[in-house]
């Protein structure tokens, strides 16, 4: 079974301001995705929706095969900054 994730007509608004609407895409094994946009364009919001950390107003997300999605935020909590590997 080919692993893939499909988004259909994703929409999200914040404080009655539309961040994006009708976002559709499909990624399969081996695909690479680059999300570009100006500051506050909704790039991180889209990634949070894909990972399940945020619920969109309108969303249809289909995952085929065993897919694990991990979202790493741009900023970490201050209590994690003194940790080492």
C-alpha atoms as a PDB file:
ATOM      1  CA  UNK A   1       0.000   0.000   0.000  1.00  0.00           C
ATOM      2  CA  UNK A   2       1.405   3.376  -1.026  1.00  0.00           C
ATOM      3  CA  UNK A   3       1.709   5.743   1.911  1.00  0.00           C
ATOM      4  CA  UNK A   4       0.214   9.168   1.277  1.00  0.00           C
ATOM      5  CA  UNK A   5      -1.529  12.075   2.919  1.00  0.00           C
ATOM      6  CA  UNK A   6      -4.183  14.087   1.104  1.00  0.00           C
ATOM      7  CA  UNK A   7      -5.668  17.421   2.155  1.00  0.00           C
ATOM      8  CA  UNK A   8      -8.847  18.634   0.490  1.00  0.00           C
ATOM      9  CA  UNK A   9     -10.241  22.157   0.747  1.00  0.00           C
ATOM     10  CA  UNK A  10      -8.645  23.028   4.096  1.00  0.00           C
ATOM     11  CA  UNK A  11      -9.788  26.374   5.511  1.00  0.00           C
ATOM     12  CA  UNK A  12      -8.764  28.268   8.645  1.00  0.00           C
ATOM     13  CA  UNK A  13      -9.584  31.692  10.066  1.00  0.00           C
ATOM     14  CA  UNK A  14      -8.408  33.512  13.186  1.00  0.00           C
ATOM     15  CA  UNK A  15     -10.477  36.310  14.731  1.00  0.00           C
ATOM     16  CA  UNK A  16     -12.727  36.388  11.644  1.00  0.00           C
ATOM     17  CA  UNK A  17      -9.667  36.873   9.406  1.00  0.00           C
ATOM     18  CA  UNK A  18      -9.241  34.142   6.805  1.00  0.00           C
ATOM     19  CA  UNK A  19      -5.709  32.758   7.026  1.00  0.00           C
ATOM     20  CA  UNK A  20      -6.263  30.406   4.080  1.00  0.00           C
ATOM     21  CA  UNK A  21      -9.072  28.561   2.329  1.00  0.00           C
ATOM     22  CA  UNK A  22      -9.445  25.784  -0.221  1.00  0.00           C
ATOM     23  CA  UNK A  23      -5.932  24.395   0.367  1.00  0.00           C
ATOM     24  CA  UNK A  24      -5.587  21.004  -1.314  1.00  0.00           C
ATOM     25  CA  UNK A  25      -2.483  18.847  -1.742  1.00  0.00           C
ATOM     26  CA  UNK A  26      -1.280  15.281  -1.828  1.00  0.00           C
ATOM     27  CA  UNK A  27       2.086  13.942  -0.699  1.00  0.00           C
ATOM     28  CA  UNK A  28       3.233  10.368  -1.292  1.00  0.00           C
ATOM     29  CA  UNK A  29       6.310   8.411  -0.282  1.00  0.00           C
ATOM     30  CA  UNK A  30       9.404  10.064  -1.743  1.00  0.00           C
ATOM     31  CA  UNK A  31       7.720  13.433  -2.311  1.00  0.00           C
ATOM     32  CA  UNK A  32       9.263  16.543  -0.841  1.00  0.00           C
ATOM     33  CA  UNK A  33       7.188  19.504   0.190  1.00  0.00           C
ATOM     34  CA  UNK A  34       8.305  23.098   0.589  1.00  0.00           C
ATOM     35  CA  UNK A  35       5.930  25.599   2.184  1.00  0.00           C
ATOM     36  CA  UNK A  36       6.838  29.206   1.449  1.00  0.00           C
ATOM     37  CA  UNK A  37       5.112  32.407   2.478  1.00  0.00           C
ATOM     38  CA  UNK A  38       5.429  35.751   4.161  1.00  0.00           C
ATOM     39  CA  UNK A  39       5.392  36.118   7.942  1.00  0.00           C
ATOM     40  CA  UNK A  40       1.950  35.322   9.374  1.00  0.00           C
ATOM     41  CA  UNK A  41       0.812  33.732   6.101  1.00  0.00           C
ATOM     42  CA  UNK A  42      -0.241  30.505   7.871  1.00  0.00           C
ATOM     43  CA  UNK A  43       2.667  28.140   7.176  1.00  0.00           C
ATOM     44  CA  UNK A  44       2.960  26.895  10.767  1.00  0.00           C
ATOM     45  CA  UNK A  45      -0.831  26.802  11.087  1.00  0.00           C
ATOM     46  CA  UNK A  46      -1.066  24.499   8.069  1.00  0.00           C
ATOM     47  CA  UNK A  47       1.597  22.189   9.524  1.00  0.00           C
ATOM     48  CA  UNK A  48      -0.246  22.100  12.875  1.00  0.00           C
ATOM     49  CA  UNK A  49      -3.452  21.110  11.058  1.00  0.00           C
ATOM     50  CA  UNK A  50      -1.642  18.349   9.152  1.00  0.00           C
ATOM     51  CA  UNK A  51      -0.121  17.018  12.391  1.00  0.00           C
ATOM     52  CA  UNK A  52      -3.470  17.133  14.208  1.00  0.00           C
ATOM     53  CA  UNK A  53      -2.358  19.748  16.750  1.00  0.00           C
ATOM     54  CA  UNK A  54      -4.942  22.209  15.405  1.00  0.00           C
ATOM     55  CA  UNK A  55      -8.422  21.669  13.948  1.00  0.00           C
ATOM     56  CA  UNK A  56      -9.386  23.545  10.791  1.00  0.00           C
ATOM     57  CA  UNK A  57     -12.836  24.997  10.209  1.00  0.00           C
ATOM     58  CA  UNK A  58     -13.212  22.902   7.096  1.00  0.00           C
ATOM     59  CA  UNK A  59     -10.996  19.915   6.654  1.00  0.00           C
ATOM     60  CA  UNK A  60     -10.725  16.586   4.965  1.00  0.00           C
ATOM     61  CA  UNK A  61      -7.440  14.863   5.640  1.00  0.00           C
ATOM     62  CA  UNK A  62      -6.905  11.330   4.384  1.00  0.00           C
ATOM     63  CA  UNK A  63      -3.925   9.236   5.440  1.00  0.00           C
ATOM     64  CA  UNK A  64      -3.147   6.021   3.566  1.00  0.00           C
ATOM     65  CA  UNK A  65      -0.809   3.501   5.145  1.00  0.00           C
ATOM     66  CA  UNK A  66       1.008   3.881   8.457  1.00  0.00           C
ATOM     67  CA  UNK A  67       1.982   7.538   8.628  1.00  0.00           C
ATOM     68  CA  UNK A  68       3.521   9.267  11.627  1.00  0.00           C
ATOM     69  CA  UNK A  69       3.532  13.052  11.596  1.00  0.00           C
ATOM     70  CA  UNK A  70       5.580  15.061  14.063  1.00  0.00           C
ATOM     71  CA  UNK A  71       5.444  18.833  14.287  1.00  0.00           C
ATOM     72  CA  UNK A  72       8.412  20.615  15.856  1.00  0.00           C
ATOM     73  CA  UNK A  73       7.493  24.200  16.785  1.00  0.00           C
ATOM     74  CA  UNK A  74       9.617  27.181  15.856  1.00  0.00           C
ATOM     75  CA  UNK A  75      10.009  28.127  19.505  1.00  0.00           C
ATOM     76  CA  UNK A  76      10.461  25.833  22.478  1.00  0.00           C
ATOM     77  CA  UNK A  77       9.302  26.291  26.046  1.00  0.00           C
ATOM     78  CA  UNK A  78      11.888  28.147  28.122  1.00  0.00           C
ATOM     79  CA  UNK A  79      12.123  25.305  30.645  1.00  0.00           C
ATOM     80  CA  UNK A  80      13.585  23.037  27.902  1.00  0.00           C
ATOM     81  CA  UNK A  81      16.444  25.329  26.964  1.00  0.00           C
ATOM     82  CA  UNK A  82      18.882  23.987  29.552  1.00  0.00           C
ATOM     83  CA  UNK A  83      18.521  20.359  28.425  1.00  0.00           C
ATOM     84  CA  UNK A  84      21.406  18.647  26.634  1.00  0.00           C
ATOM     85  CA  UNK A  85      21.772  15.519  24.555  1.00  0.00           C
END
